[in-house]
Every structure is written in C-alpha cells, then in structure tokens.
C-alpha cells in the first residue's frame, strides 16, 4: 500500500525539520514518515489507524545517522524527541 492510501498526511510534514520515522507492521510491511515533529504522537496515531485496517505495529524507529528504537510490541521507549 502507498502511504497516501494508508494514512492522512499532516500539513506540518511539509515544513522542514523533524524526524524521519520508520514503522514496521505485523505483516512485514513498512511505512515511513518524513519531517515528523512529534514522533510519539505520530506513532500513536499510526497504531490506531493501522488497527482499524487490521494491521498491528510491531516496531517504530527514528531513523537517520543513528537508528533509535522508540516503540516495540506495545511499549514506548524513552527518546530525546517528544
């Protein structure tokens, strides 16, 4: 599925800055968010929307120079980003 088919795009993502988020689903598919200003809120929204579509989020990372795991199997981890 294309991202535009899965989730709405937040207008703030058009503004430079923020995090690049990679999300893994239970079926092995991936979704990516660019210029995410609030990674935890973004992941929470994707979790709810994906459950409505019959998918489960298994992992979420802030990706870039250093990948940082922020969510795995129902648990959020502390991160320097909000």
Protein backbone atom coordinates (compact mmCIF):
# COMPACT_ATOMS: atom_id res chain seq x y z
CA UNK A 1 0.00 0.00 0.00
CA UNK A 2 1.12 3.54 -0.65
CA UNK A 3 1.38 5.88 2.31
CA UNK A 4 -1.32 8.14 0.87
CA UNK A 5 -3.68 5.15 0.81
CA UNK A 6 -2.93 4.25 4.44
CA UNK A 7 -2.79 7.47 6.41
CA UNK A 8 -3.54 11.18 6.17
CA UNK A 9 -0.55 13.48 5.68
CA UNK A 10 -0.11 16.15 8.34
CA UNK A 11 0.50 19.63 6.85
CA UNK A 12 3.38 20.12 9.33
CA UNK A 13 5.34 17.42 7.49
CA UNK A 14 5.71 19.85 4.59
CA UNK A 15 7.76 22.16 6.88
CA UNK A 16 11.48 21.29 7.02
CA UNK A 17 12.79 19.80 10.26
CA UNK A 18 11.63 16.99 12.44
CA UNK A 19 12.36 13.28 12.44
CA UNK A 20 12.29 10.53 9.85
CA UNK A 21 10.21 7.65 11.28
CA UNK A 22 10.15 4.05 10.04
CA UNK A 23 7.31 1.82 11.21
CA UNK A 24 7.20 -1.98 10.86
CA UNK A 25 3.88 -3.83 10.73
CA UNK A 26 2.98 -7.40 11.70
CA UNK A 27 2.64 -8.36 8.02
CA UNK A 28 6.24 -7.27 7.33
CA UNK A 29 5.34 -4.06 5.51
CA UNK A 30 6.93 -0.70 6.32
CA UNK A 31 5.68 2.86 6.47
CA UNK A 32 7.81 5.98 6.66
CA UNK A 33 7.07 9.45 7.93
CA UNK A 34 9.22 12.43 6.98
CA UNK A 35 9.65 15.67 8.94
CA UNK A 36 7.66 14.28 11.89
CA UNK A 37 7.56 16.93 14.61
CA UNK A 38 6.23 14.71 17.42
CA UNK A 39 7.38 11.09 16.88
CA UNK A 40 5.44 9.57 19.80
CA UNK A 41 2.16 11.20 18.75
CA UNK A 42 2.81 10.15 15.15
CA UNK A 43 3.37 6.51 16.15
CA UNK A 44 0.30 6.54 18.43
CA UNK A 45 -1.82 7.78 15.51
CA UNK A 46 -0.41 5.15 13.15
CA UNK A 47 -1.09 2.42 15.75
CA UNK A 48 -4.77 3.37 15.99
CA UNK A 49 -5.25 3.82 12.24
CA UNK A 50 -3.46 0.58 11.41
CA UNK A 51 -5.56 -1.42 13.90
CA UNK A 52 -8.67 -0.12 12.14
CA UNK A 53 -7.18 -1.56 8.94
CA UNK A 54 -6.37 -4.91 10.55
CA UNK A 55 -2.62 -4.36 10.95
CA UNK A 56 -0.51 -4.21 14.09
CA UNK A 57 2.55 -2.00 14.56
CA UNK A 58 5.44 -4.13 15.82
CA UNK A 59 8.33 -1.59 15.84
CA UNK A 60 8.97 2.09 15.22
CA UNK A 61 12.33 3.80 14.76
CA UNK A 62 13.59 7.33 14.48
CA UNK A 63 15.94 6.82 11.56
CA UNK A 64 18.88 8.86 10.37
CA UNK A 65 22.55 8.86 11.33
CA UNK A 66 21.71 6.64 14.30
CA UNK A 67 18.57 4.50 14.37
CA UNK A 68 16.71 4.82 17.67
CA UNK A 69 14.01 2.30 18.62
CA UNK A 70 11.06 4.21 20.10
CA UNK A 71 8.33 1.52 20.10
CA UNK A 72 8.25 -2.27 20.13
CA UNK A 73 5.44 -4.75 20.81
CA UNK A 74 3.18 -2.39 22.73
CA UNK A 75 5.85 -0.47 24.62
CA UNK A 76 7.25 3.03 24.04
CA UNK A 77 10.87 3.76 24.92
CA UNK A 78 12.37 6.99 26.18
CA UNK A 79 13.64 9.26 23.43
CA UNK A 80 15.24 12.65 23.15
CA UNK A 81 12.38 13.65 20.79
CA UNK A 82 8.84 14.33 22.01
